[in-house]
PDB file of N, CA and C in Angstrom:
ATOM      1  N   ASP A   1       4.430 -11.700   6.916  1.00  0.00           N
ATOM      2  CA  ASP A   1       3.593 -10.648   7.413  1.00  0.00           C
ATOM      3  C   ASP A   1       3.700  -9.432   6.458  1.00  0.00           C
ATOM      4  N   HIS A   2       2.567  -9.134   5.850  1.00  0.00           N
ATOM      5  CA  HIS A   2       2.584  -7.987   4.864  1.00  0.00           C
ATOM      6  C   HIS A   2       1.936  -6.795   5.521  1.00  0.00           C
ATOM      7  N   THR A   3       1.997  -6.683   6.837  1.00  0.00           N
ATOM      8  CA  THR A   3       1.396  -5.569   7.507  1.00  0.00           C
ATOM      9  C   THR A   3       2.242  -4.334   7.275  1.00  0.00           C
ATOM     10  N   LEU A   4       1.603  -3.208   6.962  1.00  0.00           N
ATOM     11  CA  LEU A   4       2.320  -1.995   6.711  1.00  0.00           C
ATOM     12  C   LEU A   4       1.886  -0.926   7.670  1.00  0.00           C
ATOM     13  N   TYR A   5       2.866  -0.287   8.306  1.00  0.00           N
ATOM     14  CA  TYR A   5       2.569   0.748   9.248  1.00  0.00           C
ATOM     15  C   TYR A   5       2.797   2.079   8.566  1.00  0.00           C
ATOM     16  N   ALA A   6       1.737   2.883   8.394  1.00  0.00           N
ATOM     17  CA  ALA A   6       1.881   4.139   7.806  1.00  0.00           C
ATOM     18  C   ALA A   6       2.637   5.136   8.718  1.00  0.00           C
ATOM     19  N   LEU A   7       3.577   5.837   8.139  1.00  0.00           N
ATOM     20  CA  LEU A   7       4.351   6.789   8.955  1.00  0.00           C
ATOM     21  C   LEU A   7       3.681   8.134   8.938  1.00  0.00           C
ATOM     22  N   VAL A   8       2.623   8.312   8.174  1.00  0.00           N
ATOM     23  CA  VAL A   8       1.898   9.566   8.142  1.00  0.00           C
ATOM     24  C   VAL A   8       0.410   9.268   8.173  1.00  0.00           C
ATOM     25  N   ASP A   9      -0.330  10.278   8.693  1.00  0.00           N
ATOM     26  CA  ASP A   9      -1.749  10.077   8.733  1.00  0.00           C
ATOM     27  C   ASP A   9      -2.350  10.253   7.337  1.00  0.00           C
ATOM     28  N   GLY A  10      -3.134   9.352   6.916  1.00  0.00           N
ATOM     29  CA  GLY A  10      -3.717   9.445   5.577  1.00  0.00           C
ATOM     30  C   GLY A  10      -4.361   8.156   5.198  1.00  0.00           C
ATOM     31  N   GLN A  11      -4.605   7.993   3.913  1.00  0.00           N
ATOM     32  CA  GLN A  11      -5.282   6.809   3.397  1.00  0.00           C
ATOM     33  C   GLN A  11      -4.323   5.913   2.774  1.00  0.00           C
ATOM     34  N   VAL A  12      -4.340   4.681   3.164  1.00  0.00           N
ATOM     35  CA  VAL A  12      -3.406   3.643   2.603  1.00  0.00           C
ATOM     36  C   VAL A  12      -4.178   2.664   1.816  1.00  0.00           C
ATOM     37  N   SER A  13      -3.851   2.576   0.464  1.00  0.00           N
ATOM     38  CA  SER A  13      -4.521   1.694  -0.343  1.00  0.00           C
ATOM     39  C   SER A  13      -3.623   0.545  -0.851  1.00  0.00           C
ATOM     40  N   PHE A  14      -4.146  -0.644  -0.928  1.00  0.00           N
ATOM     41  CA  PHE A  14      -3.383  -1.744  -1.423  1.00  0.00           C
ATOM     42  C   PHE A  14      -3.882  -2.236  -2.764  1.00  0.00           C
ATOM     43  N   ALA A  15      -2.970  -2.517  -3.639  1.00  0.00           N
ATOM     44  CA  ALA A  15      -3.397  -3.020  -4.924  1.00  0.00           C
ATOM     45  C   ALA A  15      -2.418  -4.109  -5.420  1.00  0.00           C
ATOM     46  N   ILE A  16      -3.003  -5.179  -5.998  1.00  0.00           N
ATOM     47  CA  ILE A  16      -2.107  -6.226  -6.501  1.00  0.00           C
ATOM     48  C   ILE A  16      -2.242  -6.167  -8.089  1.00  0.00           C
ATOM     49  N   LYS A  17      -1.067  -5.904  -8.686  1.00  0.00           N
ATOM     50  CA  LYS A  17      -1.024  -5.711 -10.161  1.00  0.00           C
ATOM     51  C   LYS A  17       0.065  -6.628 -10.713  1.00  0.00           C
ATOM     52  N   GLY A  18      -0.112  -6.827 -12.034  1.00  0.00           N
ATOM     53  CA  GLY A  18       0.923  -7.575 -12.733  1.00  0.00           C
ATOM     54  C   GLY A  18       0.747  -9.061 -12.675  1.00  0.00           C
ATOM     55  N   SER A  19       1.362  -9.741 -13.593  1.00  0.00           N
ATOM     56  CA  SER A  19       1.235 -11.206 -13.651  1.00  0.00           C
ATOM     57  C   SER A  19       2.054 -11.825 -12.542  1.00  0.00           C
ATOM     58  N   MET A  20       2.970 -11.060 -11.941  1.00  0.00           N
ATOM     59  CA  MET A  20       3.787 -11.548 -10.832  1.00  0.00           C
ATOM     60  C   MET A  20       3.137 -11.199  -9.501  1.00  0.00           C
ATOM     61  N   ASN A  21       1.890 -10.652  -9.535  1.00  0.00           N
ATOM     62  CA  ASN A  21       1.213 -10.271  -8.326  1.00  0.00           C
ATOM     63  C   ASN A  21       2.013  -9.350  -7.456  1.00  0.00           C
ATOM     64  N   LYS A  22       2.668  -8.395  -8.118  1.00  0.00           N
ATOM     65  CA  LYS A  22       3.474  -7.421  -7.439  1.00  0.00           C
ATOM     66  C   LYS A  22       2.608  -6.550  -6.555  1.00  0.00           C
ATOM     67  N   ARG A  23       2.950  -6.445  -5.299  1.00  0.00           N
ATOM     68  CA  ARG A  23       2.116  -5.612  -4.359  1.00  0.00           C
ATOM     69  C   ARG A  23       2.560  -4.116  -4.446  1.00  0.00           C
ATOM     70  N   THR A  24       1.523  -3.347  -4.723  1.00  0.00           N
ATOM     71  CA  THR A  24       1.749  -1.901  -4.815  1.00  0.00           C
ATOM     72  C   THR A  24       1.063  -1.207  -3.658  1.00  0.00           C
ATOM     73  N   VAL A  25       1.770  -0.333  -2.969  1.00  0.00           N
ATOM     74  CA  VAL A  25       1.171   0.306  -1.803  1.00  0.00           C
ATOM     75  C   VAL A  25       1.251   1.816  -2.036  1.00  0.00           C
ATOM     76  N   ASN A  26       0.094   2.434  -2.000  1.00  0.00           N
ATOM     77  CA  ASN A  26       0.031   3.872  -2.241  1.00  0.00           C
ATOM     78  C   ASN A  26      -0.411   4.553  -0.962  1.00  0.00           C
ATOM     79  N   VAL A  27       0.318   5.579  -0.437  1.00  0.00           N
ATOM     80  CA  VAL A  27      -0.014   6.239   0.728  1.00  0.00           C
ATOM     81  C   VAL A  27      -0.315   7.715   0.370  1.00  0.00           C
ATOM     82  N   THR A  28      -1.605   8.086   0.660  1.00  0.00           N
ATOM     83  CA  THR A  28      -1.965   9.506   0.348  1.00  0.00           C
ATOM     84  C   THR A  28      -2.073  10.241   1.637  1.00  0.00           C
ATOM     85  N   ALA A  29      -1.261  11.282   1.759  1.00  0.00           N
ATOM     86  CA  ALA A  29      -1.296  12.087   3.010  1.00  0.00           C
ATOM     87  C   ALA A  29      -2.601  12.859   3.067  1.00  0.00           C
ATOM     88  N   ALA A  30      -3.167  12.876   4.276  1.00  0.00           N
ATOM     89  CA  ALA A  30      -4.428  13.515   4.510  1.00  0.00           C
ATOM     90  C   ALA A  30      -4.210  15.065   4.522  1.00  0.00           C
TER      91      ALA A  30
END
């Protein structure tokens, strides 16, 4: 389960980068 619960109100963007398909999660506070 890769569900992520944001602890702050804002925009959560998911990106898969790298040859290892490393998951990068960026949370931008509104």
